[in-house]
C-alpha atoms as a PDB file:
ATOM      1  CA  MET A   1     101.787  52.533  84.188  1.00  0.00           C
ATOM      2  CA  ILE A   2     105.465  52.537  83.308  1.00  0.00           C
ATOM      3  CA  GLY A   3     104.989  49.882  80.646  1.00  0.00           C
ATOM      4  CA  GLU A   4     102.372  52.029  78.916  1.00  0.00           C
ATOM      5  CA  LEU A   5     104.637  55.069  79.083  1.00  0.00           C
ATOM      6  CA  ALA A   6     107.567  53.115  77.634  1.00  0.00           C
ATOM      7  CA  LYS A   7     105.571  51.553  74.782  1.00  0.00           C
ATOM      8  CA  PRO A   8     105.817  54.387  72.197  1.00  0.00           C
ATOM      9  CA  PHE A   9     109.531  54.937  72.861  1.00  0.00           C
ATOM     10  CA  ASP A  10     112.576  52.901  71.950  1.00  0.00           C
ATOM     11  CA  ILE A  11     113.816  52.730  75.557  1.00  0.00           C
ATOM     12  CA  THR A  12     113.524  50.191  78.328  1.00  0.00           C
ATOM     13  CA  ARG A  13     111.163  50.320  81.290  1.00  0.00           C
ATOM     14  CA  VAL A  14     114.218  50.824  83.507  1.00  0.00           C
ATOM     15  CA  ALA A  15     115.173  53.918  81.526  1.00  0.00           C
ATOM     16  CA  VAL A  16     111.603  55.252  81.761  1.00  0.00           C
ATOM     17  CA  SER A  17     111.679  54.661  85.522  1.00  0.00           C
ATOM     18  CA  LYS A  18     114.907  56.660  85.809  1.00  0.00           C
ATOM     19  CA  HIS A  19     113.413  59.537  83.821  1.00  0.00           C
ATOM     20  CA  LEU A  20     110.294  59.484  85.978  1.00  0.00           C
ATOM     21  CA  ARG A  21     112.410  59.634  89.143  1.00  0.00           C
ATOM     22  CA  VAL A  22     114.188  62.720  87.800  1.00  0.00           C
ATOM     23  CA  LEU A  23     110.861  64.366  86.944  1.00  0.00           C
ATOM     24  CA  GLU A  24     109.522  63.433  90.379  1.00  0.00           C
ATOM     25  CA  GLN A  25     112.583  64.914  92.125  1.00  0.00           C
ATOM     26  CA  ALA A  26     112.098  68.093  90.080  1.00  0.00           C
ATOM     27  CA  GLN A  27     108.470  68.091  91.277  1.00  0.00           C
ATOM     28  CA  LEU A  28     107.204  68.067  87.694  1.00  0.00           C
ATOM     29  CA  ILE A  29     105.178  64.900  88.252  1.00  0.00           C
ATOM     30  CA  SER A  30     103.569  63.254  91.232  1.00  0.00           C
ATOM     31  CA  ARG A  31     103.304  59.507  91.560  1.00  0.00           C
ATOM     32  CA  ALA A  32     100.636  57.443  93.292  1.00  0.00           C
ATOM     33  CA  ILE A  33     101.430  53.783  93.880  1.00  0.00           C
ATOM     34  CA  ASP A  34      98.649  51.198  94.163  1.00  0.00           C
ATOM     35  CA  GLY A  35     100.270  47.778  94.449  1.00  0.00           C
ATOM     36  CA  ARG A  36     102.265  47.301  91.272  1.00  0.00           C
ATOM     37  CA  VAL A  37     100.507  50.149  89.463  1.00  0.00           C
ATOM     38  CA  HIS A  38     102.244  53.524  89.417  1.00  0.00           C
ATOM     39  CA  ARG A  39     100.070  56.434  88.310  1.00  0.00           C
ATOM     40  CA  CYS A  40     101.895  59.586  87.294  1.00  0.00           C
ATOM     41  CA  THR A  41     100.334  63.026  87.137  1.00  0.00           C
ATOM     42  CA  LEU A  42     101.875  66.087  85.517  1.00  0.00           C
ATOM     43  CA  ARG A  43     102.392  69.059  87.823  1.00  0.00           C
ATOM     44  CA  ALA A  44     102.323  71.931  85.322  1.00  0.00           C
ATOM     45  CA  GLN A  45     102.663  74.856  87.756  1.00  0.00           C
ATOM     46  CA  PRO A  46     106.501  74.784  87.871  1.00  0.00           C
ATOM     47  CA  LEU A  47     106.538  74.848  84.061  1.00  0.00           C
ATOM     48  CA  ARG A  48     104.180  77.848  84.054  1.00  0.00           C
ATOM     49  CA  GLU A  49     106.564  79.665  86.389  1.00  0.00           C
ATOM     50  CA  VAL A  50     109.486  78.960  84.042  1.00  0.00           C
ATOM     51  CA  GLU A  51     107.423  80.180  81.081  1.00  0.00           C
ATOM     52  CA  GLN A  52     106.658  83.448  82.885  1.00  0.00           C
ATOM     53  CA  TRP A  53     110.354  83.926  83.713  1.00  0.00           C
ATOM     54  CA  LEU A  54     111.359  83.213  80.116  1.00  0.00           C
ATOM     55  CA  ALA A  55     108.720  85.586  78.711  1.00  0.00           C
ATOM     56  CA  GLY A  56     110.599  88.616  80.039  1.00  0.00           C
ATOM     57  CA  TYR A  57     113.856  87.459  78.520  1.00  0.00           C
ATOM     58  CA  ARG A  58     112.141  86.536  75.253  1.00  0.00           C
ATOM     59  CA  ALA A  59     110.842  90.102  74.867  1.00  0.00           C
ATOM     60  CA  PHE A  60     114.278  91.540  75.735  1.00  0.00           C
ATOM     61  CA  TRP A  61     116.158  89.345  73.267  1.00  0.00           C
ATOM     62  CA  THR A  62     113.590  89.717  70.490  1.00  0.00           C
ATOM     63  CA  GLN A  63     113.824  93.499  70.700  1.00  0.00           C
ATOM     64  CA  ASN A  64     117.631  93.508  70.807  1.00  0.00           C
ATOM     65  CA  LEU A  65     118.058  90.980  68.011  1.00  0.00           C
ATOM     66  CA  GLU A  66     115.665  92.943  65.800  1.00  0.00           C
ATOM     67  CA  ALA A  67     117.705  96.094  66.460  1.00  0.00           C
ATOM     68  CA  LEU A  68     120.915  94.217  65.622  1.00  0.00           C
ATOM     69  CA  ALA A  69     119.399  92.862  62.390  1.00  0.00           C
ATOM     70  CA  HIS A  70     118.308  96.365  61.415  1.00  0.00           C
ATOM     71  CA  PHE A  71     121.828  97.679  62.103  1.00  0.00           C
ATOM     72  CA  VAL A  72     123.531  94.909  60.133  1.00  0.00           C
ATOM     73  CA  GLU A  73     121.157  95.273  57.181  1.00  0.00           C
ATOM     74  CA  SER A  74     121.409  99.072  57.061  1.00  0.00           C
ATOM     75  CA  ASP A  75     123.622 100.955  54.631  1.00  0.00           C
ATOM     76  CA  PRO A  76     127.118 101.369  56.151  1.00  0.00           C
ATOM     77  CA  HIS A  77     127.174 105.014  54.930  1.00  0.00           C
ATOM     78  CA  GLU A  78     124.079 105.809  57.018  1.00  0.00           C
ATOM     79  CA  ARG A  79     125.761 104.747  60.252  1.00  0.00           C
END
């Protein structure tokens, strides 16, 4: 329920509803409505896809930043 989701945060139920709509539009949650009760379920698959995409870039940047650090920390006369 939205009230339960809002409870631990210092934001209004209206603000929580807006955030949930954004997450729903992004297909990161699904919502089932039963009368006044809204049940939200996380859809983790899109986040897994993002994680897989980022993993390739993480490896690339880690390798390149380590090479840059090695270059910067090396003796200028050895270059």
